[in-house]
Amino acid sequence: AGSGLQAVVFGLVLILFIIFEPLGLYGRWLKVRTWFELFPFYRRGMFRRQKSYMKSERLR
């Protein structure tokens, strides 16, 4: 029973990691490295995806 629960927890952790960090460990490393390089100037939303619109959508 313990090994089944362990497998479920492990699978859940993997799924959550893939959802919240699509670049994986490399993406996490980039964030940590950038934080150390820009320490006093680091902004929280620096790695958020920016919405981009086509030129035709902006003119509406």
PDB file of N, CA and C in Angstrom:
ATOM      1  N   ALA A   1       0.827  -1.198   0.000  1.00  0.00           N
ATOM      2  CA  ALA A   1       0.000   0.000   0.000  1.00  0.00           C
ATOM      3  C   ALA A   1       0.866   1.253   0.000  1.00  0.00           C
ATOM      4  N   GLY A   2       1.997   1.203   0.690  1.00  0.00           N
ATOM      5  CA  GLY A   2       2.888   2.364   0.762  1.00  0.00           C
ATOM      6  C   GLY A   2       3.532   2.681  -0.569  1.00  0.00           C
ATOM      7  N   SER A   3       3.878   1.639  -1.339  1.00  0.00           N
ATOM      8  CA  SER A   3       4.538   1.892  -2.623  1.00  0.00           C
ATOM      9  C   SER A   3       3.552   2.484  -3.635  1.00  0.00           C
ATOM     10  N   GLY A   4       2.278   2.088  -3.546  1.00  0.00           N
ATOM     11  CA  GLY A   4       1.268   2.658  -4.440  1.00  0.00           C
ATOM     12  C   GLY A   4       1.072   4.138  -4.180  1.00  0.00           C
ATOM     13  N   LEU A   5       1.016   4.505  -2.910  1.00  0.00           N
ATOM     14  CA  LEU A   5       0.870   5.913  -2.539  1.00  0.00           C
ATOM     15  C   LEU A   5       2.097   6.707  -2.969  1.00  0.00           C
ATOM     16  N   GLN A   6       3.265   6.106  -2.810  1.00  0.00           N
ATOM     17  CA  GLN A   6       4.507   6.770  -3.203  1.00  0.00           C
ATOM     18  C   GLN A   6       4.526   7.038  -4.710  1.00  0.00           C
ATOM     19  N   ALA A   7       4.052   6.093  -5.507  1.00  0.00           N
ATOM     20  CA  ALA A   7       4.008   6.266  -6.960  1.00  0.00           C
ATOM     21  C   ALA A   7       3.024   7.368  -7.347  1.00  0.00           C
ATOM     22  N   VAL A   8       1.888   7.434  -6.669  1.00  0.00           N
ATOM     23  CA  VAL A   8       0.896   8.476  -6.951  1.00  0.00           C
ATOM     24  C   VAL A   8       1.463   9.853  -6.620  1.00  0.00           C
ATOM     25  N   VAL A   9       2.110   9.978  -5.485  1.00  0.00           N
ATOM     26  CA  VAL A   9       2.692  11.263  -5.082  1.00  0.00           C
ATOM     27  C   VAL A   9       3.786  11.673  -6.066  1.00  0.00           C
ATOM     28  N   PHE A  10       4.623  10.718  -6.458  1.00  0.00           N
ATOM     29  CA  PHE A  10       5.692  11.001  -7.413  1.00  0.00           C
ATOM     30  C   PHE A  10       5.110  11.464  -8.753  1.00  0.00           C
ATOM     31  N   GLY A  11       4.076  10.790  -9.235  1.00  0.00           N
ATOM     32  CA  GLY A  11       3.426  11.175 -10.487  1.00  0.00           C
ATOM     33  C   GLY A  11       2.803  12.552 -10.395  1.00  0.00           C
ATOM     34  N   LEU A  12       2.178  12.849  -9.270  1.00  0.00           N
ATOM     35  CA  LEU A  12       1.564  14.161  -9.063  1.00  0.00           C
ATOM     36  C   LEU A  12       2.616  15.269  -9.061  1.00  0.00           C
ATOM     37  N   VAL A  13       3.740  15.013  -8.408  1.00  0.00           N
ATOM     38  CA  VAL A  13       4.829  15.996  -8.394  1.00  0.00           C
ATOM     39  C   VAL A  13       5.343  16.236  -9.810  1.00  0.00           C
ATOM     40  N   LEU A  14       5.514  15.176 -10.589  1.00  0.00           N
ATOM     41  CA  LEU A  14       5.975  15.325 -11.973  1.00  0.00           C
ATOM     42  C   LEU A  14       4.990  16.138 -12.809  1.00  0.00           C
ATOM     43  N   ILE A  15       3.715  15.837 -12.690  1.00  0.00           N
ATOM     44  CA  ILE A  15       2.697  16.555 -13.459  1.00  0.00           C
ATOM     45  C   ILE A  15       2.676  18.034 -13.082  1.00  0.00           C
ATOM     46  N   LEU A  16       2.716  18.339 -11.797  1.00  0.00           N
ATOM     47  CA  LEU A  16       2.716  19.734 -11.359  1.00  0.00           C
ATOM     48  C   LEU A  16       3.969  20.463 -11.828  1.00  0.00           C
ATOM     49  N   PHE A  17       5.107  19.772 -11.801  1.00  0.00           N
ATOM     50  CA  PHE A  17       6.354  20.387 -12.241  1.00  0.00           C
ATOM     51  C   PHE A  17       6.286  20.717 -13.726  1.00  0.00           C
ATOM     52  N   ILE A  18       5.711  19.828 -14.524  1.00  0.00           N
ATOM     53  CA  ILE A  18       5.599  20.063 -15.967  1.00  0.00           C
ATOM     54  C   ILE A  18       4.624  21.212 -16.252  1.00  0.00           C
ATOM     55  N   ILE A  19       3.545  21.304 -15.493  1.00  0.00           N
ATOM     56  CA  ILE A  19       2.566  22.373 -15.705  1.00  0.00           C
ATOM     57  C   ILE A  19       3.153  23.737 -15.336  1.00  0.00           C
ATOM     58  N   PHE A  20       3.795  23.827 -14.172  1.00  0.00           N
ATOM     59  CA  PHE A  20       4.256  25.119 -13.683  1.00  0.00           C
ATOM     60  C   PHE A  20       5.656  25.486 -14.142  1.00  0.00           C
ATOM     61  N   GLU A  21       6.419  24.540 -14.659  1.00  0.00           N
ATOM     62  CA  GLU A  21       7.780  24.821 -15.131  1.00  0.00           C
ATOM     63  C   GLU A  21       8.027  24.064 -16.425  1.00  0.00           C
ATOM     64  N   PRO A  22       7.482  24.566 -17.558  1.00  0.00           N
ATOM     65  CA  PRO A  22       7.565  23.830 -18.823  1.00  0.00           C
ATOM     66  C   PRO A  22       8.991  23.583 -19.307  1.00  0.00           C
ATOM     67  N   LEU A  23       9.943  24.443 -18.934  1.00  0.00           N
ATOM     68  CA  LEU A  23      11.327  24.231 -19.353  1.00  0.00           C
ATOM     69  C   LEU A  23      12.064  23.243 -18.458  1.00  0.00           C
ATOM     70  N   GLY A  24      11.409  22.760 -17.421  1.00  0.00           N
ATOM     71  CA  GLY A  24      12.012  21.746 -16.560  1.00  0.00           C
ATOM     72  C   GLY A  24      13.066  22.314 -15.628  1.00  0.00           C
ATOM     73  N   LEU A  25      14.039  21.471 -15.290  1.00  0.00           N
ATOM     74  CA  LEU A  25      15.100  21.896 -14.382  1.00  0.00           C
ATOM     75  C   LEU A  25      15.950  22.999 -14.998  1.00  0.00           C
ATOM     76  N   TYR A  26      16.098  22.965 -16.325  1.00  0.00           N
ATOM     77  CA  TYR A  26      16.867  24.019 -16.995  1.00  0.00           C
ATOM     78  C   TYR A  26      16.195  25.383 -16.794  1.00  0.00           C
ATOM     79  N   GLY A  27      14.882  25.432 -16.900  1.00  0.00           N
ATOM     80  CA  GLY A  27      14.158  26.678 -16.672  1.00  0.00           C
ATOM     81  C   GLY A  27      14.315  27.170 -15.241  1.00  0.00           C
ATOM     82  N   ARG A  28      14.263  26.242 -14.298  1.00  0.00           N
ATOM     83  CA  ARG A  28      14.450  26.609 -12.889  1.00  0.00           C
ATOM     84  C   ARG A  28      15.866  27.148 -12.682  1.00  0.00           C
ATOM     85  N   TRP A  29      16.869  26.498 -13.321  1.00  0.00           N
ATOM     86  CA  TRP A  29      18.260  26.943 -13.203  1.00  0.00           C
ATOM     87  C   TRP A  29      18.423  28.349 -13.789  1.00  0.00           C
ATOM     88  N   LEU A  30      17.770  28.629 -14.934  1.00  0.00           N
ATOM     89  CA  LEU A  30      17.853  29.965 -15.531  1.00  0.00           C
ATOM     90  C   LEU A  30      17.319  31.028 -14.575  1.00  0.00           C
ATOM     91  N   LYS A  31      16.220  30.729 -13.912  1.00  0.00           N
ATOM     92  CA  LYS A  31      15.642  31.694 -12.968  1.00  0.00           C
ATOM     93  C   LYS A  31      16.579  31.947 -11.791  1.00  0.00           C
ATOM     94  N   VAL A  32      17.160  30.876 -11.257  1.00  0.00           N
ATOM     95  CA  VAL A  32      18.068  31.022 -10.112  1.00  0.00           C
ATOM     96  C   VAL A  32      19.315  31.791 -10.529  1.00  0.00           C
ATOM     97  N   ARG A  33      19.884  31.433 -11.685  1.00  0.00           N
ATOM     98  CA  ARG A  33      21.094  32.102 -12.158  1.00  0.00           C
ATOM     99  C   ARG A  33      20.830  33.586 -12.424  1.00  0.00           C
ATOM    100  N   THR A  34      19.698  33.896 -13.050  1.00  0.00           N
ATOM    101  CA  THR A  34      19.357  35.293 -13.326  1.00  0.00           C
ATOM    102  C   THR A  34      19.132  36.061 -12.030  1.00  0.00           C
ATOM    103  N   TRP A  35      18.522  35.405 -11.054  1.00  0.00           N
ATOM    104  CA  TRP A  35      18.293  36.061  -9.764  1.00  0.00           C
ATOM    105  C   TRP A  35      19.621  36.450  -9.126  1.00  0.00           C
ATOM    106  N   PHE A  36      20.618  35.542  -9.182  1.00  0.00           N
ATOM    107  CA  PHE A  36      21.920  35.853  -8.587  1.00  0.00           C
ATOM    108  C   PHE A  36      22.675  36.916  -9.378  1.00  0.00           C
ATOM    109  N   GLU A  37      22.502  36.924 -10.703  1.00  0.00           N
ATOM    110  CA  GLU A  37      23.194  37.925 -11.514  1.00  0.00           C
ATOM    111  C   GLU A  37      22.609  39.323 -11.310  1.00  0.00           C
ATOM    112  N   LEU A  38      21.293  39.414 -11.147  1.00  0.00           N
ATOM    113  CA  LEU A  38      20.623  40.713 -11.043  1.00  0.00           C
ATOM    114  C   LEU A  38      20.122  40.991  -9.629  1.00  0.00           C
ATOM    115  N   PHE A  39      20.787  40.445  -8.623  1.00  0.00           N
ATOM    116  CA  PHE A  39      20.234  40.377  -7.271  1.00  0.00           C
ATOM    117  C   PHE A  39      19.487  41.623  -6.805  1.00  0.00           C
ATOM    118  N   PRO A  40      20.101  42.791  -6.736  1.00  0.00           N
ATOM    119  CA  PRO A  40      19.305  43.896  -6.175  1.00  0.00           C
ATOM    120  C   PRO A  40      18.216  44.404  -7.121  1.00  0.00           C
ATOM    121  N   PHE A  41      18.330  44.094  -8.418  1.00  0.00           N
ATOM    122  CA  PHE A  41      17.408  44.658  -9.399  1.00  0.00           C
ATOM    123  C   PHE A  41      16.390  43.658  -9.914  1.00  0.00           C
ATOM    124  N   TYR A  42      16.372  42.463  -9.357  1.00  0.00           N
ATOM    125  CA  TYR A  42      15.488  41.409  -9.863  1.00  0.00           C
ATOM    126  C   TYR A  42      14.027  41.776  -9.642  1.00  0.00           C
ATOM    127  N   ARG A  43      13.212  41.621 -10.694  1.00  0.00           N
ATOM    128  CA  ARG A  43      11.777  41.876 -10.585  1.00  0.00           C
ATOM    129  C   ARG A  43      11.031  40.553 -10.589  1.00  0.00           C
ATOM    130  N   ARG A  44       9.974  40.456  -9.830  1.00  0.00           N
ATOM    131  CA  ARG A  44       9.250  39.197  -9.673  1.00  0.00           C
ATOM    132  C   ARG A  44       8.632  38.702 -10.978  1.00  0.00           C
ATOM    133  N   GLY A  45       8.072  39.592 -11.794  1.00  0.00           N
ATOM    134  CA  GLY A  45       7.383  39.190 -13.014  1.00  0.00           C
ATOM    135  C   GLY A  45       8.277  39.080 -14.236  1.00  0.00           C
ATOM    136  N   MET A  46       9.562  39.001 -14.039  1.00  0.00           N
ATOM    137  CA  MET A  46      10.499  39.025 -15.153  1.00  0.00           C
ATOM    138  C   MET A  46      10.314  37.843 -16.113  1.00  0.00           C
ATOM    139  N   PHE A  47       9.953  36.683 -15.609  1.00  0.00           N
ATOM    140  CA  PHE A  47       9.854  35.490 -16.442  1.00  0.00           C
ATOM    141  C   PHE A  47       8.425  35.158 -16.843  1.00  0.00           C
ATOM    142  N   ARG A  48       7.483  36.062 -16.572  1.00  0.00           N
ATOM    143  CA  ARG A  48       6.105  35.793 -16.970  1.00  0.00           C
ATOM    144  C   ARG A  48       5.962  35.930 -18.469  1.00  0.00           C
ATOM    145  N   ARG A  49       5.060  35.166 -19.025  1.00  0.00           N
ATOM    146  CA  ARG A  49       4.805  35.267 -20.459  1.00  0.00           C
ATOM    147  C   ARG A  49       4.098  36.575 -20.765  1.00  0.00           C
ATOM    148  N   GLN A  50       4.536  37.231 -21.808  1.00  0.00           N
ATOM    149  CA  GLN A  50       3.892  38.475 -22.205  1.00  0.00           C
ATOM    150  C   GLN A  50       2.906  38.178 -23.320  1.00  0.00           C
ATOM    151  N   LYS A  51       1.775  38.849 -23.268  1.00  0.00           N
ATOM    152  CA  LYS A  51       0.788  38.682 -24.329  1.00  0.00           C
ATOM    153  C   LYS A  51       1.235  39.494 -25.535  1.00  0.00           C
ATOM    154  N   SER A  52       1.185  38.876 -26.684  1.00  0.00           N
ATOM    155  CA  SER A  52       1.526  39.612 -27.900  1.00  0.00           C
ATOM    156  C   SER A  52       0.343  39.533 -28.848  1.00  0.00           C
ATOM    157  N   TYR A  53       0.085  40.608 -29.521  1.00  0.00           N
ATOM    158  CA  TYR A  53      -1.048  40.695 -30.421  1.00  0.00           C
ATOM    159  C   TYR A  53      -0.558  40.971 -31.837  1.00  0.00           C
ATOM    160  N   MET A  54      -1.334  40.503 -32.786  1.00  0.00           N
ATOM    161  CA  MET A  54      -1.027  40.829 -34.172  1.00  0.00           C
ATOM    162  C   MET A  54      -1.384  42.292 -34.410  1.00  0.00           C
ATOM    163  N   LYS A  55      -0.744  42.890 -35.399  1.00  0.00           N
ATOM    164  CA  LYS A  55      -0.977  44.302 -35.683  1.00  0.00           C
ATOM    165  C   LYS A  55      -2.451  44.575 -35.986  1.00  0.00           C
ATOM    166  N   SER A  56      -3.113  43.665 -36.694  1.00  0.00           N
ATOM    167  CA  SER A  56      -4.518  43.869 -37.042  1.00  0.00           C
ATOM    168  C   SER A  56      -5.419  43.852 -35.806  1.00  0.00           C
ATOM    169  N   GLU A  57      -5.037  43.104 -34.769  1.00  0.00           N
ATOM    170  CA  GLU A  57      -5.844  43.049 -33.548  1.00  0.00           C
ATOM    171  C   GLU A  57      -5.705  44.330 -32.732  1.00  0.00           C
ATOM    172  N   ARG A  58      -4.579  45.014 -32.845  1.00  0.00           N
ATOM    173  CA  ARG A  58      -4.370  46.244 -32.090  1.00  0.00           C
ATOM    174  C   ARG A  58      -5.230  47.385 -32.620  1.00  0.00           C
ATOM    175  N   LEU A  59      -5.568  47.344 -33.896  1.00  0.00           N
ATOM    176  CA  LEU A  59      -6.297  48.451 -34.516  1.00  0.00           C
ATOM    177  C   LEU A  59      -7.791  48.415 -34.241  1.00  0.00           C
ATOM    178  N   ARG A  60      -8.284  47.364 -33.620  1.00  0.00           N
ATOM    179  CA  ARG A  60      -9.723  47.249 -33.369  1.00  0.00           C
ATOM    180  C   ARG A  60     -10.198  48.242 -32.351  1.00  0.00           C
TER     181      ARG A  60
END
